C-alpha atoms as a PDB file:
ATOM      1  CA  MET A   1     108.496 100.488 108.860  1.00  0.00           C
ATOM      2  CA  THR A   2     111.378  99.802 110.647  1.00  0.00           C
ATOM      3  CA  ILE A   3     114.553 101.928 112.521  1.00  0.00           C
ATOM      4  CA  LEU A   4     117.518 100.038 111.350  1.00  0.00           C
ATOM      5  CA  VAL A   5     120.569 100.737 113.803  1.00  0.00           C
ATOM      6  CA  ALA A   6     123.867  99.199 112.685  1.00  0.00           C
ATOM      7  CA  TYR A   7     125.300  98.719 116.441  1.00  0.00           C
ATOM      8  CA  VAL A   8     129.242  98.171 117.540  1.00  0.00           C
ATOM      9  CA  ALA A   9     130.343  98.125 121.369  1.00  0.00           C
ATOM     10  CA  ARG A  10     131.880 101.545 120.900  1.00  0.00           C
ATOM     11  CA  PRO A  11     131.013 104.804 121.843  1.00  0.00           C
ATOM     12  CA  GLU A  12     130.076 105.762 118.107  1.00  0.00           C
ATOM     13  CA  GLY A  13     127.868 102.557 118.238  1.00  0.00           C
ATOM     14  CA  GLN A  14     126.103 103.378 121.718  1.00  0.00           C
ATOM     15  CA  ALA A  15     125.511 106.870 120.131  1.00  0.00           C
ATOM     16  CA  ALA A  16     123.592 105.597 117.112  1.00  0.00           C
ATOM     17  CA  LEU A  17     121.759 103.092 119.584  1.00  0.00           C
ATOM     18  CA  ASP A  18     120.303 105.939 121.390  1.00  0.00           C
ATOM     19  CA  LYS A  19     119.244 108.148 118.546  1.00  0.00           C
ATOM     20  CA  GLY A  20     117.528 104.736 117.453  1.00  0.00           C
ATOM     21  CA  ILE A  21     115.780 104.237 120.427  1.00  0.00           C
ATOM     22  CA  GLU A  22     114.671 108.255 120.406  1.00  0.00           C
ATOM     23  CA  ILE A  23     113.253 108.043 116.960  1.00  0.00           C
ATOM     24  CA  ALA A  24     111.959 104.857 117.182  1.00  0.00           C
ATOM     25  CA  ARG A  25     109.981 106.234 120.056  1.00  0.00           C
ATOM     26  CA  ARG A  26     108.819 109.453 118.645  1.00  0.00           C
ATOM     27  CA  ARG A  27     107.692 107.581 115.335  1.00  0.00           C
ATOM     28  CA  ASN A  28     106.503 104.559 117.404  1.00  0.00           C
ATOM     29  CA  GLU A  29     108.746 102.361 115.187  1.00  0.00           C
ATOM     30  CA  HIS A  30     109.685  97.948 115.206  1.00  0.00           C
ATOM     31  CA  LEU A  31     113.987  99.102 115.795  1.00  0.00           C
ATOM     32  CA  LEU A  32     116.001  96.456 115.071  1.00  0.00           C
ATOM     33  CA  VAL A  33     119.645  96.630 115.696  1.00  0.00           C
ATOM     34  CA  VAL A  34     122.164  94.684 113.821  1.00  0.00           C
ATOM     35  CA  ASN A  35     126.200  93.901 114.463  1.00  0.00           C
ATOM     36  CA  ALA A  36     127.824  92.390 111.603  1.00  0.00           C
ATOM     37  CA  SER A  37     130.989  90.563 111.466  1.00  0.00           C
ATOM     38  CA  PRO A  38     132.502  88.165 108.563  1.00  0.00           C
ATOM     39  CA  GLY A  39     133.540  85.680 111.236  1.00  0.00           C
ATOM     40  CA  GLY A  40     136.253  83.481 110.883  1.00  0.00           C
ATOM     41  CA  THR A  41     139.456  83.017 112.222  1.00  0.00           C
ATOM     42  CA  THR A  42     140.986  86.274 112.997  1.00  0.00           C
ATOM     43  CA  ALA A  43     138.859  88.749 115.610  1.00  0.00           C
ATOM     44  CA  ASP A  44     137.166  91.446 114.689  1.00  0.00           C
ATOM     45  CA  PRO A  45     136.639  94.099 116.884  1.00  0.00           C
ATOM     46  CA  SER A  46     133.523  95.247 116.065  1.00  0.00           C
ATOM     47  CA  ALA A  47     131.980  91.566 116.630  1.00  0.00           C
ATOM     48  CA  LEU A  48     129.515  91.701 119.970  1.00  0.00           C
ATOM     49  CA  ASP A  49     130.885  88.969 122.600  1.00  0.00           C
ATOM     50  CA  VAL A  50     127.895  87.612 124.622  1.00  0.00           C
ATOM     51  CA  GLU A  51     128.208  89.794 127.598  1.00  0.00           C
ATOM     52  CA  ALA A  52     127.682  92.889 125.043  1.00  0.00           C
ATOM     53  CA  PHE A  53     124.854  91.125 123.269  1.00  0.00           C
ATOM     54  CA  GLU A  54     122.928  90.318 126.275  1.00  0.00           C
ATOM     55  CA  ARG A  55     123.575  94.316 127.531  1.00  0.00           C
ATOM     56  CA  VAL A  56     121.674  95.651 124.281  1.00  0.00           C
ATOM     57  CA  GLU A  57     118.956  93.150 124.528  1.00  0.00           C
ATOM     58  CA  GLN A  58     118.345  94.140 128.274  1.00  0.00           C
ATOM     59  CA  LEU A  59     118.247  98.036 127.320  1.00  0.00           C
ATOM     60  CA  LEU A  60     116.120  97.369 124.228  1.00  0.00           C
ATOM     61  CA  ARG A  61     113.475  95.159 126.528  1.00  0.00           C
ATOM     62  CA  ASP A  62     113.879  98.326 129.211  1.00  0.00           C
ATOM     63  CA  SER A  63     112.890 100.086 126.771  1.00  0.00           C
ATOM     64  CA  GLY A  64     109.382  99.395 126.558  1.00  0.00           C
ATOM     65  CA  LEU A  65     110.060  99.235 122.428  1.00  0.00           C
ATOM     66  CA  ASN A  66     108.757  96.478 119.882  1.00  0.00           C
ATOM     67  CA  ALA A  67     113.110  95.998 119.561  1.00  0.00           C
ATOM     68  CA  GLN A  68     115.310  93.379 118.755  1.00  0.00           C
ATOM     69  CA  VAL A  69     118.842  93.224 118.553  1.00  0.00           C
ATOM     70  CA  LYS A  70     120.524  90.581 115.324  1.00  0.00           C
ATOM     71  CA  GLN A  71     124.385  89.373 114.864  1.00  0.00           C
ATOM     72  CA  PHE A  72     125.205  88.046 112.327  1.00  0.00           C
ATOM     73  CA  VAL A  73     128.272  86.284 111.482  1.00  0.00           C
ATOM     74  CA  ARG A  74     127.951  84.450 108.525  1.00  0.00           C
ATOM     75  CA  GLY A  75     130.899  85.659 105.923  1.00  0.00           C
ATOM     76  CA  LYS A  76     129.480  88.705 104.921  1.00  0.00           C
ATOM     77  CA  SER A  77     130.731  92.202 105.424  1.00  0.00           C
ATOM     78  CA  ALA A  78     129.246  94.495 108.054  1.00  0.00           C
ATOM     79  CA  VAL A  79     128.268  96.727 104.828  1.00  0.00           C
ATOM     80  CA  GLU A  80     126.834  93.920 102.753  1.00  0.00           C
ATOM     81  CA  GLU A  81     124.437  92.896 105.840  1.00  0.00           C
ATOM     82  CA  ILE A  82     123.007  95.784 106.060  1.00  0.00           C
ATOM     83  CA  GLN A  83     122.435  96.694 102.425  1.00  0.00           C
ATOM     84  CA  THR A  84     120.521  93.608 102.485  1.00  0.00           C
ATOM     85  CA  LEU A  85     117.920  94.423 105.121  1.00  0.00           C
ATOM     86  CA  THR A  86     117.914  98.136 103.843  1.00  0.00           C
ATOM     87  CA  GLU A  87     116.799  95.804 100.285  1.00  0.00           C
ATOM     88  CA  THR A  88     114.734  93.215 102.189  1.00  0.00           C
ATOM     89  CA  LEU A  89     113.058  95.840 104.999  1.00  0.00           C
ATOM     90  CA  PRO A  90     110.547  98.500 104.928  1.00  0.00           C
ATOM     91  CA  VAL A  91     113.346 100.667 106.742  1.00  0.00           C
ATOM     92  CA  SER A  92     112.453 104.048 107.174  1.00  0.00           C
ATOM     93  CA  VAL A  93     115.770 105.439 108.260  1.00  0.00           C
ATOM     94  CA  LEU A  94     119.618 103.550 108.914  1.00  0.00           C
ATOM     95  CA  VAL A  95     121.089 104.934 112.025  1.00  0.00           C
ATOM     96  CA  ILE A  96     125.066 104.894 111.772  1.00  0.00           C
ATOM     97  CA  GLY A  97     127.875 106.067 114.489  1.00  0.00           C
ATOM     98  CA  LEU A  98     130.896 108.189 113.199  1.00  0.00           C
ATOM     99  CA  ARG A  99     134.477 108.462 114.815  1.00  0.00           C
ATOM    100  CA  ARG A 100     137.071 110.802 114.267  1.00  0.00           C
ATOM    101  CA  ARG A 101     139.558 109.665 112.333  1.00  0.00           C
ATOM    102  CA  SER A 102     142.411 111.184 110.892  1.00  0.00           C
ATOM    103  CA  PRO A 103     142.417 111.745 106.711  1.00  0.00           C
ATOM    104  CA  VAL A 104     145.103 109.377 106.095  1.00  0.00           C
ATOM    105  CA  GLY A 105     143.587 107.243 108.319  1.00  0.00           C
ATOM    106  CA  LYS A 106     140.255 106.974 105.970  1.00  0.00           C
ATOM    107  CA  LEU A 107     142.398 107.223 102.887  1.00  0.00           C
ATOM    108  CA  ILE A 108     144.092 103.596 104.070  1.00  0.00           C
ATOM    109  CA  MET A 109     141.235 102.211 106.258  1.00  0.00           C
ATOM    110  CA  GLY A 110     137.849 102.758 104.722  1.00  0.00           C
ATOM    111  CA  SER A 111     135.043 103.483 105.773  1.00  0.00           C
ATOM    112  CA  VAL A 112     132.158 101.617 106.856  1.00  0.00           C
ATOM    113  CA  ALA A 113     130.299 104.432 107.305  1.00  0.00           C
ATOM    114  CA  GLN A 114     131.164 105.932 103.849  1.00  0.00           C
ATOM    115  CA  GLU A 115     130.065 102.670 102.067  1.00  0.00           C
ATOM    116  CA  LEU A 116     126.827 102.464 103.717  1.00  0.00           C
ATOM    117  CA  LEU A 117     126.445 106.314 102.619  1.00  0.00           C
ATOM    118  CA  LEU A 118     126.926 105.867  98.969  1.00  0.00           C
ATOM    119  CA  SER A 119     125.428 102.188  98.863  1.00  0.00           C
ATOM    120  CA  VAL A 120     121.817 102.256 100.621  1.00  0.00           C
ATOM    121  CA  SER A 121     118.931 103.319  99.132  1.00  0.00           C
ATOM    122  CA  CYS A 122     116.951 104.233 101.894  1.00  0.00           C
ATOM    123  CA  PRO A 123     117.673 107.561 104.277  1.00  0.00           C
ATOM    124  CA  VAL A 124     120.789 107.770 106.645  1.00  0.00           C
ATOM    125  CA  LEU A 125     121.427 109.159 109.611  1.00  0.00           C
ATOM    126  CA  ALA A 126     124.650 109.434 110.963  1.00  0.00           C
ATOM    127  CA  VAL A 127     125.220 110.816 114.410  1.00  0.00           C
ATOM    128  CA  LYS A 128     128.503 110.680 116.429  1.00  0.00           C
ATOM    129  CA  ALA A 129     129.140 109.906 119.939  1.00  0.00           C
ATOM    130  CA  ASN A 130     129.893 112.862 123.305  1.00  0.00           C
ATOM    131  CA  THR A 131     133.472 112.900 123.461  1.00  0.00           C
END
């Protein structure tokens, strides 16, 4: 089985990664950390730069777990990429990070977390960053 972590280089992403590592240790499962963005001509703040990607790789190596990080930038949204992974891999749980937003912000901007909660068939664990 696989623990799947949706990761962004923000406090909520780190909270999801920390919880994913904890669960993978406890259950002795594979850990897959995914960063996904559609790419294109506009900069996506959720996409990892090289330094952030290498930092996650090192953290996973240091954890001693059977773990890997993947970054997808192939024209699909983060939700589409993660949905595909949950449909094609034996995912025991998807771990996502939540950030605090106002009700108006949620209405206007939408929410990747909300879309994932409504669209994936595996269990989802939503964690908040310690702020």
